Amino acid sequence: MAHATETDSPALDTSPDPAAPPAVPVVLTINGERHALDVEPWTTLLDLLRERLHLTGTKKGCDHGQCGACTVLVDGTRINACLALAAVHDGAAITTVEGLADGDALHPLQQAFIDHDAFQCGYCTPGQICSAVGLLAEGHAQCRDDVRELMSGNLCRCGAYVNIADAVDEVRRASDKEDER
């Protein structure tokens, strides 16, 4: 039986590819902290957050923008981070689930998700919560049915939709009452 030796395989070329586009400098404010980074032009915001900055609350689900597990807020607007190139968002303020709490005080939606048991396995929860924060900021939800419709881009494979809608709608109603004052 022949065994492969080091001389049997070609040497691995680890030199940079001269044809590859250069890294792009970007400055992002992530969860209130400024980051000056050099990123490859093809780096998604999701991969930057998870792989380079170790903010693993944002989940990689389908990697095709169909499940919402990667939802984050960019300048207050909810987006699928798996579809967003990091370089495109130079200068943006990014909020992940890790940036929603104020010290030990949970964001009202985080607390509502706990109070309503709005998660089972918890994998989709960070994206659900970030999407809900963006949804409420948009101000289009006027009732529970609106919440369900406007959250429909975030999938929960465990089927916790009733509890998720209850949690988001509770915070929506509380916010509406605050606005009336």
N, C-alpha and C. Protein backbone atom coordinates (compact mmCIF):
# COMPACT_ATOMS: atom_id res chain seq x y z
N MET A 1 0.84 -1.16 0.00
CA MET A 1 0.00 0.00 0.00
C MET A 1 0.90 1.23 0.00
N ALA A 2 0.66 2.12 -0.93
CA ALA A 2 1.47 3.33 -1.04
C ALA A 2 0.88 4.43 -0.16
N HIS A 3 1.74 5.13 0.51
CA HIS A 3 1.32 6.26 1.34
C HIS A 3 1.76 7.55 0.68
N ALA A 4 0.90 8.54 0.73
CA ALA A 4 1.25 9.84 0.17
C ALA A 4 2.28 10.50 1.06
N THR A 5 3.23 11.10 0.43
CA THR A 5 4.24 11.85 1.18
C THR A 5 4.14 13.31 0.79
N GLU A 6 4.90 14.11 1.49
CA GLU A 6 4.86 15.53 1.23
C GLU A 6 5.27 15.85 -0.19
N THR A 7 6.15 15.06 -0.76
CA THR A 7 6.61 15.33 -2.12
C THR A 7 5.64 14.84 -3.17
N ASP A 8 4.64 14.01 -2.77
CA ASP A 8 3.66 13.50 -3.73
C ASP A 8 2.62 14.55 -4.12
N SER A 9 2.39 15.56 -3.31
CA SER A 9 1.37 16.54 -3.62
C SER A 9 2.04 17.89 -3.91
N PRO A 10 1.40 18.68 -4.78
CA PRO A 10 1.99 19.97 -5.11
C PRO A 10 1.98 20.89 -3.89
N ALA A 11 2.94 21.79 -3.87
CA ALA A 11 3.04 22.74 -2.76
C ALA A 11 1.84 23.67 -2.77
N LEU A 12 1.37 23.98 -1.61
CA LEU A 12 0.23 24.89 -1.47
C LEU A 12 0.73 26.32 -1.61
N ASP A 13 0.16 27.07 -2.55
CA ASP A 13 0.55 28.46 -2.76
C ASP A 13 -0.29 29.33 -1.84
N THR A 14 0.32 29.92 -0.83
CA THR A 14 -0.40 30.75 0.12
C THR A 14 -0.20 32.24 -0.13
N SER A 15 0.45 32.58 -1.23
CA SER A 15 0.65 34.00 -1.53
C SER A 15 -0.68 34.61 -1.97
N PRO A 16 -0.88 35.91 -1.70
CA PRO A 16 -2.14 36.55 -2.08
C PRO A 16 -2.33 36.53 -3.60
N ASP A 17 -3.57 36.40 -4.00
CA ASP A 17 -3.90 36.41 -5.42
C ASP A 17 -3.81 37.85 -5.91
N PRO A 18 -2.90 38.12 -6.85
CA PRO A 18 -2.75 39.50 -7.32
C PRO A 18 -3.99 40.01 -8.07
N ALA A 19 -4.83 39.11 -8.54
CA ALA A 19 -6.04 39.52 -9.27
C ALA A 19 -7.22 39.78 -8.33
N ALA A 20 -7.08 39.40 -7.05
CA ALA A 20 -8.18 39.59 -6.09
C ALA A 20 -8.32 41.07 -5.78
N PRO A 21 -9.56 41.53 -5.66
CA PRO A 21 -9.75 42.95 -5.31
C PRO A 21 -9.21 43.22 -3.91
N PRO A 22 -8.72 44.41 -3.69
CA PRO A 22 -8.17 44.73 -2.36
C PRO A 22 -9.28 44.85 -1.32
N ALA A 23 -8.89 44.73 -0.07
CA ALA A 23 -9.85 44.91 1.02
C ALA A 23 -10.35 46.35 0.99
N VAL A 24 -11.56 46.53 1.50
CA VAL A 24 -12.22 47.83 1.49
C VAL A 24 -12.27 48.35 2.93
N PRO A 25 -11.81 49.57 3.17
CA PRO A 25 -11.92 50.11 4.53
C PRO A 25 -13.36 50.55 4.81
N VAL A 26 -13.89 50.16 5.96
CA VAL A 26 -15.23 50.58 6.38
C VAL A 26 -15.18 50.98 7.85
N VAL A 27 -16.05 51.90 8.19
CA VAL A 27 -16.24 52.28 9.59
C VAL A 27 -17.70 52.02 9.91
N LEU A 28 -17.92 51.19 10.90
CA LEU A 28 -19.28 50.84 11.33
C LEU A 28 -19.39 51.10 12.83
N THR A 29 -20.52 51.61 13.24
CA THR A 29 -20.80 51.72 14.66
C THR A 29 -21.73 50.57 14.99
N ILE A 30 -21.22 49.62 15.75
CA ILE A 30 -21.97 48.40 16.05
C ILE A 30 -22.27 48.37 17.54
N ASN A 31 -23.57 48.40 17.83
CA ASN A 31 -24.03 48.41 19.23
C ASN A 31 -23.36 49.54 20.01
N GLY A 32 -23.22 50.69 19.33
CA GLY A 32 -22.67 51.88 19.97
C GLY A 32 -21.16 51.98 19.97
N GLU A 33 -20.47 50.96 19.47
CA GLU A 33 -19.01 50.96 19.46
C GLU A 33 -18.50 51.12 18.03
N ARG A 34 -17.59 52.06 17.83
CA ARG A 34 -17.03 52.34 16.50
C ARG A 34 -15.99 51.28 16.14
N HIS A 35 -16.10 50.76 14.90
CA HIS A 35 -15.16 49.76 14.40
C HIS A 35 -14.64 50.22 13.04
N ALA A 36 -13.33 50.41 12.92
CA ALA A 36 -12.69 50.69 11.63
C ALA A 36 -12.09 49.36 11.16
N LEU A 37 -12.57 48.88 10.03
CA LEU A 37 -12.20 47.54 9.57
C LEU A 37 -11.82 47.56 8.09
N ASP A 38 -11.03 46.60 7.69
CA ASP A 38 -10.78 46.34 6.28
C ASP A 38 -11.49 45.03 5.97
N VAL A 39 -12.40 45.06 5.00
CA VAL A 39 -13.18 43.86 4.66
C VAL A 39 -13.04 43.54 3.18
N GLU A 40 -13.07 42.26 2.87
CA GLU A 40 -13.10 41.85 1.48
C GLU A 40 -14.43 42.30 0.90
N PRO A 41 -14.45 42.70 -0.36
CA PRO A 41 -15.68 43.24 -0.95
C PRO A 41 -16.88 42.29 -0.90
N TRP A 42 -16.65 41.00 -0.81
CA TRP A 42 -17.73 40.01 -0.81
C TRP A 42 -18.19 39.62 0.59
N THR A 43 -17.63 40.22 1.63
CA THR A 43 -17.97 39.87 3.00
C THR A 43 -19.38 40.38 3.34
N THR A 44 -20.23 39.47 3.77
CA THR A 44 -21.57 39.89 4.18
C THR A 44 -21.50 40.49 5.58
N LEU A 45 -22.48 41.29 5.88
CA LEU A 45 -22.59 41.87 7.21
C LEU A 45 -22.72 40.76 8.25
N LEU A 46 -23.46 39.73 7.92
CA LEU A 46 -23.63 38.59 8.83
C LEU A 46 -22.28 37.95 9.15
N ASP A 47 -21.48 37.67 8.14
CA ASP A 47 -20.18 37.03 8.38
C ASP A 47 -19.24 37.95 9.14
N LEU A 48 -19.30 39.24 8.85
CA LEU A 48 -18.47 40.19 9.59
C LEU A 48 -18.85 40.17 11.07
N LEU A 49 -20.14 40.25 11.36
CA LEU A 49 -20.60 40.26 12.75
C LEU A 49 -20.21 38.97 13.48
N ARG A 50 -20.48 37.84 12.85
CA ARG A 50 -20.26 36.56 13.53
C ARG A 50 -18.79 36.15 13.55
N GLU A 51 -18.14 36.21 12.41
CA GLU A 51 -16.79 35.63 12.28
C GLU A 51 -15.68 36.58 12.73
N ARG A 52 -15.80 37.86 12.41
CA ARG A 52 -14.73 38.80 12.76
C ARG A 52 -14.96 39.46 14.11
N LEU A 53 -16.21 39.80 14.42
CA LEU A 53 -16.49 40.54 15.65
C LEU A 53 -17.06 39.66 16.76
N HIS A 54 -17.32 38.40 16.45
CA HIS A 54 -17.78 37.41 17.43
C HIS A 54 -19.09 37.80 18.11
N LEU A 55 -19.95 38.49 17.37
CA LEU A 55 -21.30 38.80 17.84
C LEU A 55 -22.21 37.70 17.29
N THR A 56 -22.27 36.61 18.02
CA THR A 56 -22.92 35.40 17.51
C THR A 56 -24.42 35.33 17.81
N GLY A 57 -24.98 36.38 18.39
CA GLY A 57 -26.43 36.40 18.59
C GLY A 57 -27.16 36.39 17.25
N THR A 58 -26.61 37.09 16.27
CA THR A 58 -27.19 37.09 14.93
C THR A 58 -26.90 35.73 14.31
N LYS A 59 -27.94 35.03 13.90
CA LYS A 59 -27.79 33.65 13.45
C LYS A 59 -27.74 33.52 11.93
N LYS A 60 -27.02 32.51 11.49
CA LYS A 60 -27.01 32.15 10.08
C LYS A 60 -28.02 31.02 9.91
N GLY A 61 -29.12 31.32 9.25
CA GLY A 61 -30.16 30.33 9.04
C GLY A 61 -30.06 29.76 7.64
N CYS A 62 -30.78 30.37 6.73
CA CYS A 62 -30.83 29.86 5.35
C CYS A 62 -29.72 30.43 4.48
N ASP A 63 -29.15 31.57 4.85
CA ASP A 63 -28.13 32.27 4.08
C ASP A 63 -28.64 32.72 2.70
N HIS A 64 -29.96 32.85 2.57
CA HIS A 64 -30.59 33.28 1.30
C HIS A 64 -31.65 34.36 1.53
N GLY A 65 -31.71 34.93 2.73
CA GLY A 65 -32.67 35.98 3.01
C GLY A 65 -34.11 35.53 3.12
N GLN A 66 -34.32 34.26 3.40
CA GLN A 66 -35.68 33.73 3.42
C GLN A 66 -36.21 33.42 4.81
N CYS A 67 -35.33 33.40 5.83
CA CYS A 67 -35.80 32.95 7.15
C CYS A 67 -35.80 34.05 8.20
N GLY A 68 -34.97 35.07 8.06
CA GLY A 68 -34.93 36.16 9.02
C GLY A 68 -34.10 35.93 10.25
N ALA A 69 -33.43 34.79 10.38
CA ALA A 69 -32.62 34.53 11.57
C ALA A 69 -31.48 35.53 11.71
N CYS A 70 -31.08 36.15 10.61
CA CYS A 70 -29.96 37.08 10.60
C CYS A 70 -30.39 38.55 10.69
N THR A 71 -31.63 38.81 11.02
CA THR A 71 -32.13 40.18 11.03
C THR A 71 -31.39 41.04 12.05
N VAL A 72 -30.90 42.18 11.58
CA VAL A 72 -30.28 43.21 12.41
C VAL A 72 -30.88 44.55 12.00
N LEU A 73 -30.56 45.58 12.75
CA LEU A 73 -31.03 46.93 12.43
C LEU A 73 -29.86 47.72 11.87
N VAL A 74 -30.05 48.33 10.71
CA VAL A 74 -29.05 49.20 10.11
C VAL A 74 -29.68 50.59 10.06
N ASP A 75 -29.10 51.49 10.81
CA ASP A 75 -29.66 52.84 10.95
C ASP A 75 -31.15 52.77 11.30
N GLY A 76 -31.49 51.80 12.16
CA GLY A 76 -32.85 51.65 12.65
C GLY A 76 -33.78 50.83 11.77
N THR A 77 -33.34 50.46 10.58
CA THR A 77 -34.17 49.69 9.66
C THR A 77 -33.77 48.22 9.69
N ARG A 78 -34.74 47.34 9.76
CA ARG A 78 -34.43 45.91 9.82
C ARG A 78 -34.03 45.39 8.44
N ILE A 79 -32.94 44.61 8.42
CA ILE A 79 -32.47 44.00 7.17
C ILE A 79 -32.01 42.57 7.45
N ASN A 80 -31.91 41.80 6.40
CA ASN A 80 -31.31 40.46 6.48
C ASN A 80 -29.81 40.62 6.26
N ALA A 81 -29.04 40.40 7.31
CA ALA A 81 -27.59 40.61 7.25
C ALA A 81 -26.90 39.64 6.30
N CYS A 82 -27.53 38.51 6.00
CA CYS A 82 -26.90 37.55 5.09
C CYS A 82 -26.90 38.05 3.65
N LEU A 83 -27.77 39.01 3.34
CA LEU A 83 -27.85 39.55 1.98
C LEU A 83 -27.13 40.89 1.83
N ALA A 84 -26.63 41.44 2.92
CA ALA A 84 -26.04 42.78 2.91
C ALA A 84 -24.52 42.69 2.90
N LEU A 85 -23.91 43.33 1.93
CA LEU A 85 -22.45 43.39 1.92
C LEU A 85 -22.00 44.43 2.94
N ALA A 86 -21.04 44.06 3.76
CA ALA A 86 -20.57 44.95 4.82
C ALA A 86 -20.05 46.27 4.25
N ALA A 87 -19.34 46.22 3.13
CA ALA A 87 -18.74 47.43 2.56
C ALA A 87 -19.79 48.45 2.13
N VAL A 88 -20.97 48.00 1.79
CA VAL A 88 -22.04 48.90 1.36
C VAL A 88 -22.52 49.77 2.52
N HIS A 89 -22.33 49.31 3.72
CA HIS A 89 -22.88 50.00 4.90
C HIS A 89 -21.85 50.84 5.64
N ASP A 90 -20.79 51.23 4.94
CA ASP A 90 -19.78 52.11 5.53
C ASP A 90 -20.46 53.32 6.15
N GLY A 91 -20.14 53.59 7.41
CA GLY A 91 -20.70 54.74 8.11
C GLY A 91 -22.01 54.46 8.84
N ALA A 92 -22.55 53.27 8.70
CA ALA A 92 -23.85 52.94 9.28
C ALA A 92 -23.74 52.60 10.76
N ALA A 93 -24.89 52.73 11.42
CA ALA A 93 -25.04 52.27 12.81
C ALA A 93 -25.78 50.94 12.77
N ILE A 94 -25.16 49.91 13.27
CA ILE A 94 -25.70 48.55 13.26
C ILE A 94 -26.09 48.20 14.69
N THR A 95 -27.29 47.64 14.86
CA THR A 95 -27.70 47.14 16.16
C THR A 95 -28.02 45.66 16.01
N THR A 96 -27.37 44.85 16.84
CA THR A 96 -27.66 43.43 16.90
C THR A 96 -28.42 43.16 18.20
N VAL A 97 -28.85 41.95 18.39
CA VAL A 97 -29.59 41.61 19.62
C VAL A 97 -28.74 41.91 20.86
N GLU A 98 -27.41 41.80 20.72
CA GLU A 98 -26.53 42.08 21.86
C GLU A 98 -26.57 43.55 22.27
N GLY A 99 -26.97 44.42 21.36
CA GLY A 99 -26.97 45.85 21.64
C GLY A 99 -28.31 46.42 22.07
N LEU A 100 -29.32 45.58 22.27
CA LEU A 100 -30.65 46.08 22.61
C LEU A 100 -30.83 46.38 24.10
N ALA A 101 -30.24 45.59 24.94
CA ALA A 101 -30.39 45.80 26.39
C ALA A 101 -29.63 47.04 26.82
N ASP A 102 -30.05 47.63 27.91
CA ASP A 102 -29.36 48.78 28.49
C ASP A 102 -28.74 48.29 29.79
N GLY A 103 -27.52 47.82 29.71
CA GLY A 103 -26.87 47.20 30.87
C GLY A 103 -27.60 45.92 31.24
N ASP A 104 -28.06 45.86 32.49
CA ASP A 104 -28.80 44.69 32.96
C ASP A 104 -30.29 44.78 32.64
N ALA A 105 -30.74 45.95 32.17
CA ALA A 105 -32.16 46.14 31.87
C ALA A 105 -32.42 45.68 30.43
N LEU A 106 -33.24 44.65 30.31
CA LEU A 106 -33.58 44.14 28.98
C LEU A 106 -34.42 45.15 28.20
N HIS A 107 -34.30 45.10 26.89
CA HIS A 107 -35.19 45.87 26.02
C HIS A 107 -36.60 45.34 26.28
N PRO A 108 -37.63 46.20 26.20
CA PRO A 108 -39.00 45.73 26.45
C PRO A 108 -39.40 44.51 25.61
N LEU A 109 -38.92 44.42 24.39
CA LEU A 109 -39.26 43.24 23.58
C LEU A 109 -38.55 41.99 24.09
N GLN A 110 -37.32 42.13 24.55
CA GLN A 110 -36.63 40.97 25.12
C GLN A 110 -37.40 40.46 26.34
N GLN A 111 -37.84 41.39 27.19
CA GLN A 111 -38.60 40.99 28.37
C GLN A 111 -39.94 40.37 27.98
N ALA A 112 -40.60 40.95 26.98
CA ALA A 112 -41.90 40.41 26.54
C ALA A 112 -41.74 39.00 25.97
N PHE A 113 -40.65 38.74 25.27
CA PHE A 113 -40.41 37.39 24.74
C PHE A 113 -40.27 36.39 25.90
N ILE A 114 -39.61 36.80 26.97
CA ILE A 114 -39.50 35.93 28.14
C ILE A 114 -40.87 35.75 28.78
N ASP A 115 -41.57 36.86 29.00
CA ASP A 115 -42.87 36.81 29.68
C ASP A 115 -43.89 35.96 28.92
N HIS A 116 -43.82 35.97 27.60
CA HIS A 116 -44.79 35.23 26.78
C HIS A 116 -44.25 33.88 26.30
N ASP A 117 -43.09 33.48 26.78
CA ASP A 117 -42.47 32.23 26.34
C ASP A 117 -42.49 32.16 24.81
N ALA A 118 -41.98 33.25 24.20
CA ALA A 118 -42.05 33.41 22.74
C ALA A 118 -40.86 32.78 22.02
N PHE A 119 -40.39 31.70 22.56
CA PHE A 119 -39.30 30.96 21.92
C PHE A 119 -39.37 29.53 22.40
N GLN A 120 -38.89 28.64 21.57
CA GLN A 120 -38.78 27.26 22.02
C GLN A 120 -37.30 26.89 21.97
N CYS A 121 -36.78 26.62 20.78
CA CYS A 121 -35.34 26.31 20.72
C CYS A 121 -34.52 27.58 20.86
N GLY A 122 -35.07 28.74 20.50
CA GLY A 122 -34.39 30.01 20.66
C GLY A 122 -33.53 30.44 19.49
N TYR A 123 -33.37 29.59 18.49
CA TYR A 123 -32.46 29.91 17.38
C TYR A 123 -32.92 31.16 16.63
N CYS A 124 -34.19 31.29 16.36
CA CYS A 124 -34.69 32.43 15.59
C CYS A 124 -34.93 33.67 16.45
N THR A 125 -34.87 33.53 17.75
CA THR A 125 -35.26 34.60 18.67
C THR A 125 -34.51 35.91 18.44
N PRO A 126 -33.18 35.92 18.28
CA PRO A 126 -32.50 37.21 18.06
C PRO A 126 -33.02 37.93 16.82
N GLY A 127 -33.21 37.20 15.73
CA GLY A 127 -33.75 37.82 14.51
C GLY A 127 -35.18 38.27 14.68
N GLN A 128 -35.97 37.48 15.40
CA GLN A 128 -37.36 37.86 15.67
C GLN A 128 -37.40 39.15 16.47
N ILE A 129 -36.58 39.26 17.50
CA ILE A 129 -36.58 40.44 18.35
C ILE A 129 -36.10 41.67 17.58
N CYS A 130 -35.01 41.54 16.83
CA CYS A 130 -34.52 42.68 16.04
C CYS A 130 -35.56 43.10 15.01
N SER A 131 -36.22 42.13 14.38
CA SER A 131 -37.26 42.46 13.42
C SER A 131 -38.41 43.19 14.10
N ALA A 132 -38.78 42.74 15.29
CA ALA A 132 -39.88 43.38 16.02
C ALA A 132 -39.52 44.81 16.42
N VAL A 133 -38.28 45.04 16.82
CA VAL A 133 -37.84 46.41 17.16
C VAL A 133 -37.99 47.30 15.93
N GLY A 134 -37.54 46.81 14.78
CA GLY A 134 -37.68 47.57 13.55
C GLY A 134 -39.13 47.78 13.16
N LEU A 135 -39.94 46.75 13.31
CA LEU A 135 -41.37 46.83 12.99
C LEU A 135 -42.04 47.91 13.82
N LEU A 136 -41.78 47.93 15.10
CA LEU A 136 -42.42 48.93 15.96
C LEU A 136 -41.94 50.34 15.63
N ALA A 137 -40.67 50.47 15.26
CA ALA A 137 -40.14 51.79 14.88
C ALA A 137 -40.78 52.29 13.59
N GLU A 138 -41.12 51.36 12.70
CA GLU A 138 -41.77 51.74 11.43
C GLU A 138 -43.15 52.33 11.66
N GLY A 139 -43.83 51.88 12.72
CA GLY A 139 -45.13 52.44 13.08
C GLY A 139 -46.30 52.03 12.21
N HIS A 140 -46.16 50.94 11.47
CA HIS A 140 -47.25 50.50 10.58
C HIS A 140 -48.22 49.52 11.25
N ALA A 141 -47.78 48.88 12.31
CA ALA A 141 -48.63 47.88 12.98
C ALA A 141 -49.65 48.58 13.86
N GLN A 142 -50.91 48.36 13.56
CA GLN A 142 -52.00 48.97 14.33
C GLN A 142 -52.77 47.94 15.17
N CYS A 143 -52.51 46.66 14.89
CA CYS A 143 -53.22 45.60 15.62
C CYS A 143 -52.38 44.32 15.54
N ARG A 144 -52.82 43.30 16.26
CA ARG A 144 -52.11 42.02 16.30
C ARG A 144 -51.98 41.40 14.91
N ASP A 145 -53.02 41.50 14.08
CA ASP A 145 -52.95 40.95 12.72
C ASP A 145 -51.86 41.65 11.91
N ASP A 146 -51.70 42.96 12.11
CA ASP A 146 -50.62 43.69 11.43
C ASP A 146 -49.26 43.16 11.88
N VAL A 147 -49.14 42.93 13.18
CA VAL A 147 -47.88 42.39 13.71
C VAL A 147 -47.57 41.06 13.03
N ARG A 148 -48.54 40.18 12.96
CA ARG A 148 -48.33 38.87 12.33
C ARG A 148 -47.90 39.02 10.88
N GLU A 149 -48.57 39.90 10.15
CA GLU A 149 -48.23 40.11 8.74
C GLU A 149 -46.84 40.71 8.57
N LEU A 150 -46.53 41.72 9.37
CA LEU A 150 -45.26 42.42 9.23
C LEU A 150 -44.07 41.62 9.78
N MET A 151 -44.35 40.59 10.55
CA MET A 151 -43.29 39.69 11.04
C MET A 151 -43.19 38.43 10.19
N SER A 152 -43.95 38.34 9.13
CA SER A 152 -44.03 37.09 8.35
C SER A 152 -42.72 36.72 7.66
N GLY A 153 -41.78 37.63 7.55
CA GLY A 153 -40.49 37.31 6.95
C GLY A 153 -39.54 36.61 7.91
N ASN A 154 -39.94 36.46 9.16
CA ASN A 154 -39.13 35.77 10.16
C ASN A 154 -39.78 34.44 10.49
N LEU A 155 -39.08 33.38 10.16
CA LEU A 155 -39.62 32.03 10.37
C LEU A 155 -39.20 31.47 11.72
N CYS A 156 -40.10 30.69 12.30
CA CYS A 156 -39.82 29.96 13.53
C CYS A 156 -40.18 28.51 13.25
N ARG A 157 -39.19 27.67 13.16
CA ARG A 157 -39.45 26.28 12.84
C ARG A 157 -40.12 25.53 13.98
N CYS A 158 -40.04 26.08 15.20
CA CYS A 158 -40.71 25.46 16.34
C CYS A 158 -42.19 25.81 16.41
N GLY A 159 -42.59 26.84 15.71
CA GLY A 159 -44.01 27.21 15.69
C GLY A 159 -44.45 28.06 16.86
N ALA A 160 -43.59 28.93 17.35
CA ALA A 160 -43.95 29.78 18.49
C ALA A 160 -44.62 31.07 18.05
N TYR A 161 -45.22 31.08 16.88
CA TYR A 161 -45.79 32.30 16.30
C TYR A 161 -46.82 32.99 17.19
N VAL A 162 -47.70 32.22 17.81
CA VAL A 162 -48.73 32.81 18.66
C VAL A 162 -48.09 33.60 19.79
N ASN A 163 -47.11 33.01 20.44
CA ASN A 163 -46.45 33.67 21.56
C ASN A 163 -45.60 34.86 21.09
N ILE A 164 -44.97 34.73 19.92
CA ILE A 164 -44.19 35.84 19.37
C ILE A 164 -45.12 37.02 19.08
N ALA A 165 -46.23 36.76 18.42
CA ALA A 165 -47.19 37.83 18.10
C ALA A 165 -47.73 38.45 19.38
N ASP A 166 -48.00 37.64 20.40
CA ASP A 166 -48.48 38.17 21.68
C ASP A 166 -47.44 39.10 22.31
N ALA A 167 -46.17 38.69 22.30
CA ALA A 167 -45.11 39.50 22.89
C ALA A 167 -44.95 40.83 22.17
N VAL A 168 -44.90 40.79 20.84
CA VAL A 168 -44.72 42.01 20.06
C VAL A 168 -45.93 42.92 20.22
N ASP A 169 -47.12 42.33 20.18
CA ASP A 169 -48.32 43.15 20.29
C ASP A 169 -48.44 43.79 21.67
N GLU A 170 -48.01 43.10 22.71
CA GLU A 170 -48.03 43.70 24.05
C GLU A 170 -47.17 44.96 24.09
N VAL A 171 -45.97 44.88 23.53
CA VAL A 171 -45.08 46.03 23.52
C VAL A 171 -45.64 47.13 22.62
N ARG A 172 -46.26 46.75 21.51
CA ARG A 172 -46.89 47.73 20.61
C ARG A 172 -47.98 48.49 21.34
N ARG A 173 -48.84 47.75 22.05
CA ARG A 173 -49.93 48.40 22.78
C ARG A 173 -49.40 49.32 23.89
N ALA A 174 -48.38 48.88 24.60
CA ALA A 174 -47.78 49.70 25.66
C ALA A 174 -47.17 50.97 25.06
N SER A 175 -46.56 50.84 23.92
CA SER A 175 -45.97 51.99 23.24
C SER A 175 -47.05 52.96 22.78
N ASP A 176 -48.15 52.42 22.28
CA ASP A 176 -49.28 53.27 21.86
C ASP A 176 -49.83 54.05 23.05
N LYS A 177 -49.92 53.39 24.21
CA LYS A 177 -50.42 54.08 25.41
C LYS A 177 -49.48 55.18 25.85
N GLU A 178 -48.17 54.92 25.71
CA GLU A 178 -47.17 55.95 26.05
C GLU A 178 -47.33 57.15 25.12
N ASP A 179 -47.55 56.88 23.84
CA ASP A 179 -47.70 57.95 22.85
C ASP A 179 -48.94 58.79 23.11
N GLU A 180 -49.99 58.18 23.68
CA GLU A 180 -51.23 58.90 23.96
C GLU A 180 -51.06 59.88 25.12
N ARG A 181 -50.08 59.63 25.97
CA ARG A 181 -49.87 60.50 27.14
C ARG A 181 -49.22 61.76 26.75
